[in-house]
Amino acid sequence: MPIIQKPKKVISLADRKQQLKDLSTKIYSDDEIKNFNIYEAIKDHPLNRRPTTIRSKLAYSEITNNLKPTKKYLLPGQISIFGYSTPKYKEELEYYDATPMTFFFGLVRTKDNTIREVGLNLHYYPPYTRFNVLRVCFNVYKTYFEKQFNEEYHKPNNYVSWNQLKHIMSRDKRLAFGIKMYIPALRGNTYVLPTRLLPTAAYTEGHFSKATLTQVFHFWRQFR
């Protein structure tokens, strides 16, 4: 007897938009936080399988509509999305992302006695790699991310440090490609992401110049 497969349920565009809206405002219970699987949340997200430019625009919209921007220094453990002006010191930053999503590892003081915020720019990784990097970050620092699950959390994660990031870079040069130093004065429209919005943020894309994209593509083609 032949097996009759049930037709897959087709979700309308209106239903997808409603799902995204509901997810953006969802407050998770303690049990939901405890059992949260970030990779599954990314894979099952309403933005999955949408065209890249569309899903990025929708993801940014949900983040900016549901969070308040901050002007504070970005602290270890925080993942943030922000606008970044053209760098003043091009010898320090040959190429850049105008709207980075960055996992911050702390503040450093340069030789000229200025402060830089150091982080891992997740937009420098292709989407599949980005999803996995977020999964690893979440699992390594799960206790911290659980504390800031529903709301932005402004206390630093003492387990995240610049020295720890340098150790990670020494082990995998692909990760090192995304390490950047940011000048706080050039950072605007900054949104610190609560954990609940990380799956949505995973679908954002950076805004790169043509020259920057050329360098990014050249780097990743080495690993095919």
Protein backbone atom coordinates (compact mmCIF):
# COMPACT_ATOMS: atom_id res chain seq x y z
CA MET A 1 0.00 0.00 0.00
CA PRO A 2 1.57 3.34 -1.01
CA ILE A 3 2.40 5.82 1.73
CA ILE A 4 0.38 8.97 1.40
CA GLN A 5 2.33 12.00 2.44
CA LYS A 6 0.46 14.91 3.93
CA PRO A 7 0.99 18.17 2.05
CA LYS A 8 3.21 20.65 3.86
CA LYS A 9 1.38 23.54 5.40
CA VAL A 10 1.96 26.73 3.48
CA ILE A 11 2.45 29.73 5.76
CA SER A 12 1.23 32.97 4.27
CA LEU A 13 3.29 36.16 4.27
CA ALA A 14 0.82 37.76 6.68
CA ASP A 15 1.20 34.81 9.07
CA ARG A 16 5.00 35.06 8.88
CA LYS A 17 4.88 38.76 9.72
CA GLN A 18 2.61 38.03 12.69
CA GLN A 19 4.93 35.26 13.88
CA LEU A 20 7.88 37.66 13.70
CA LYS A 21 6.00 40.35 15.62
CA ASP A 22 4.93 37.88 18.31
CA LEU A 23 8.46 36.52 18.63
CA SER A 24 9.97 40.01 18.91
CA THR A 25 7.83 40.88 21.92
CA LYS A 26 7.81 37.43 23.58
CA ILE A 27 8.90 37.30 27.21
CA TYR A 28 10.29 33.88 28.07
CA SER A 29 9.47 31.98 31.24
CA ASP A 30 12.17 30.48 33.46
CA ASP A 31 11.52 27.00 32.06
CA GLU A 32 11.71 28.27 28.47
CA ILE A 33 15.01 30.00 29.23
CA LYS A 34 16.44 26.87 30.81
CA ASN A 35 15.54 24.73 27.78
CA PHE A 36 16.36 27.31 25.11
CA ASN A 37 18.34 26.04 22.13
CA ILE A 38 19.64 29.00 20.14
CA TYR A 39 20.50 27.00 17.04
CA GLU A 40 16.99 25.53 16.86
CA ALA A 41 15.53 29.00 17.46
CA ILE A 42 17.54 30.36 14.51
CA LYS A 43 16.64 27.43 12.25
CA ASP A 44 12.91 27.64 13.09
CA HIS A 45 12.78 31.43 12.89
CA PRO A 46 10.08 33.08 10.71
CA LEU A 47 12.85 34.84 8.75
CA ASN A 48 14.48 31.58 7.70
CA ARG A 49 14.36 31.00 3.92
CA ARG A 50 13.37 34.59 3.22
CA PRO A 51 15.55 36.49 0.70
CA THR A 52 18.65 37.87 2.40
CA THR A 53 17.97 41.57 1.83
CA ILE A 54 14.34 41.27 2.95
CA ARG A 55 15.06 39.28 6.09
CA SER A 56 17.88 41.62 7.09
CA LYS A 57 15.65 44.67 6.75
CA LEU A 58 12.87 43.00 8.78
CA ALA A 59 15.32 41.87 11.47
CA TYR A 60 16.74 45.38 11.89
CA SER A 61 13.22 46.78 12.08
CA GLU A 62 12.19 44.40 14.86
CA ILE A 63 15.31 45.17 16.89
CA THR A 64 15.07 48.95 16.61
CA ASN A 65 11.32 48.94 17.28
CA ASN A 66 11.63 46.87 20.46
CA LEU A 67 14.81 48.20 22.06
CA LYS A 68 16.06 51.57 23.26
CA PRO A 69 19.48 52.77 22.04
CA THR A 70 22.32 53.34 24.51
CA LYS A 71 25.37 55.63 24.54
CA LYS A 72 27.28 53.69 27.19
CA TYR A 73 30.54 51.85 26.59
CA LEU A 74 29.93 48.34 25.30
CA LEU A 75 30.94 45.83 27.94
CA PRO A 76 32.36 42.29 27.86
CA GLY A 77 29.66 39.76 27.00
CA GLN A 78 27.29 42.18 25.30
CA ILE A 79 26.18 41.59 21.72
CA SER A 80 25.17 44.83 20.05
CA ILE A 81 24.07 46.25 16.73
CA PHE A 82 25.01 49.81 15.89
CA GLY A 83 25.75 52.31 13.15
CA TYR A 84 29.44 53.09 12.61
CA SER A 85 30.81 56.18 10.89
CA THR A 86 33.66 56.21 8.41
CA PRO A 87 36.81 55.43 10.43
CA LYS A 88 39.13 58.33 11.11
CA TYR A 89 42.25 56.18 11.11
CA LYS A 90 42.22 54.15 7.93
CA GLU A 91 45.62 52.70 8.68
CA GLU A 92 43.98 51.00 11.67
CA LEU A 93 40.78 49.99 9.89
CA GLU A 94 41.30 49.33 6.19
CA TYR A 95 37.77 48.05 5.67
CA TYR A 96 34.71 48.19 7.87
CA ASP A 97 31.04 47.34 8.36
CA ALA A 98 28.75 50.38 8.67
CA THR A 99 26.21 48.44 10.78
CA PRO A 100 28.12 45.80 12.80
CA MET A 101 26.64 43.09 14.98
CA THR A 102 29.45 42.55 17.44
CA PHE A 103 30.12 40.31 20.43
CA PHE A 104 32.23 42.51 22.72
CA PHE A 105 35.20 41.31 24.73
CA GLY A 106 36.20 44.49 26.51
CA LEU A 107 37.94 47.86 26.35
CA VAL A 108 41.60 48.45 25.55
CA ARG A 109 43.76 51.56 25.70
CA THR A 110 45.99 52.22 22.69
CA LYS A 111 49.52 53.60 22.65
CA ASP A 112 48.17 57.11 22.09
CA ASN A 113 46.03 56.70 25.26
CA THR A 114 42.65 56.41 23.52
CA ILE A 115 39.98 53.84 24.35
CA ARG A 116 38.86 51.19 21.88
CA GLU A 117 36.02 48.69 22.19
CA VAL A 118 37.15 45.23 21.03
CA GLY A 119 34.75 42.72 19.58
CA LEU A 120 33.97 39.90 17.20
CA ASN A 121 32.00 41.27 14.23
CA LEU A 122 29.58 38.47 13.37
CA HIS A 123 28.67 40.00 10.01
CA TYR A 124 32.10 39.08 8.65
CA TYR A 125 31.00 35.42 8.68
CA PRO A 126 28.65 33.82 6.13
CA PRO A 127 25.15 33.15 7.58
CA TYR A 128 25.67 29.44 8.29
CA THR A 129 28.98 30.14 10.05
CA ARG A 130 27.40 33.07 11.90
CA PHE A 131 24.65 30.82 13.23
CA ASN A 132 27.23 28.34 14.53
CA VAL A 133 29.41 31.04 16.10
CA LEU A 134 26.35 32.33 17.96
CA ARG A 135 25.54 28.78 19.07
CA VAL A 136 29.06 28.30 20.45
CA CYS A 137 29.06 31.71 22.18
CA PHE A 138 25.71 30.97 23.77
CA ASN A 139 26.72 27.53 25.00
CA VAL A 140 30.09 28.70 26.38
CA TYR A 141 28.55 31.66 28.24
CA LYS A 142 25.11 30.18 28.81
CA THR A 143 24.81 31.28 32.45
CA TYR A 144 25.50 34.88 31.47
CA PHE A 145 23.13 34.88 28.51
CA GLU A 146 20.37 33.42 30.66
CA LYS A 147 20.68 36.39 33.03
CA GLN A 148 20.11 38.88 30.21
CA PHE A 149 17.54 36.80 28.39
CA ASN A 150 14.50 39.09 28.34
CA GLU A 151 16.09 42.50 28.87
CA GLU A 152 19.33 44.27 28.03
CA TYR A 153 21.85 43.60 30.80
CA HIS A 154 24.48 46.26 31.39
CA LYS A 155 26.77 44.51 33.85
CA PRO A 156 29.91 43.02 32.31
CA ASN A 157 30.51 39.31 31.99
CA ASN A 158 33.68 38.72 34.02
CA TYR A 159 34.33 35.48 32.14
CA VAL A 160 34.78 37.33 28.84
CA SER A 161 38.08 39.14 28.29
CA TRP A 162 40.41 40.49 25.62
CA ASN A 163 43.06 37.93 26.60
CA GLN A 164 40.54 35.16 26.12
CA LEU A 165 39.68 36.50 22.68
CA LYS A 166 43.37 36.60 21.68
CA HIS A 167 43.63 32.95 22.70
CA ILE A 168 40.66 32.09 20.48
CA MET A 169 42.23 33.97 17.56
CA SER A 170 45.48 32.04 17.92
CA ARG A 171 43.60 28.78 17.46
CA ASP A 172 41.45 29.66 14.43
CA LYS A 173 42.43 32.38 11.96
CA ARG A 174 38.95 32.30 10.43
CA LEU A 175 37.58 33.73 13.67
CA ALA A 176 40.41 36.25 13.82
CA PHE A 177 39.14 37.75 10.56
CA GLY A 178 36.16 39.23 12.41
CA ILE A 179 38.07 40.83 15.30
CA LYS A 180 37.77 44.62 15.20
CA MET A 181 38.51 47.63 17.41
CA TYR A 182 35.89 50.36 17.45
CA ILE A 183 36.21 54.04 18.35
CA PRO A 184 33.32 54.72 20.77
CA ALA A 185 32.84 58.30 19.50
CA LEU A 186 32.06 56.98 16.01
CA ARG A 187 29.42 54.56 17.24
CA GLY A 188 25.77 55.63 17.03
CA ASN A 189 22.28 54.10 17.29
CA THR A 190 23.56 51.29 19.51
CA TYR A 191 21.22 48.50 20.60
CA VAL A 192 22.35 45.98 23.22
CA LEU A 193 20.62 42.71 22.41
CA PRO A 194 18.81 40.68 25.04
CA THR A 195 19.29 36.97 24.44
CA ARG A 196 15.69 36.53 23.27
CA LEU A 197 16.44 38.67 20.18
CA LEU A 198 19.70 36.95 19.17
CA PRO A 199 17.95 34.56 16.73
CA THR A 200 16.38 37.58 15.01
CA ALA A 201 19.70 39.46 14.98
CA ALA A 202 21.36 36.44 13.34
CA TYR A 203 19.47 37.34 10.15
CA THR A 204 20.83 40.88 9.92
CA GLU A 205 23.57 41.63 7.43
CA GLY A 206 26.31 44.24 7.52
CA HIS A 207 26.52 47.21 5.19
CA PHE A 208 29.80 46.96 3.32
CA SER A 209 31.43 48.98 0.57
CA LYS A 210 32.25 47.15 -2.65
CA ALA A 211 35.94 47.14 -1.71
CA THR A 212 35.18 45.58 1.68
CA LEU A 213 32.97 42.88 0.15
CA THR A 214 35.75 41.99 -2.27
CA GLN A 215 38.12 41.40 0.65
CA VAL A 216 35.52 39.41 2.59
CA PHE A 217 34.73 37.14 -0.37
CA HIS A 218 38.44 36.69 -1.12
CA PHE A 219 39.07 35.60 2.48
CA TRP A 220 36.28 33.02 2.62
CA ARG A 221 37.04 31.54 -0.80
CA GLN A 222 40.30 30.29 0.70
CA PHE A 223 38.34 27.79 2.83
CA ARG A 224 36.19 26.21 0.13
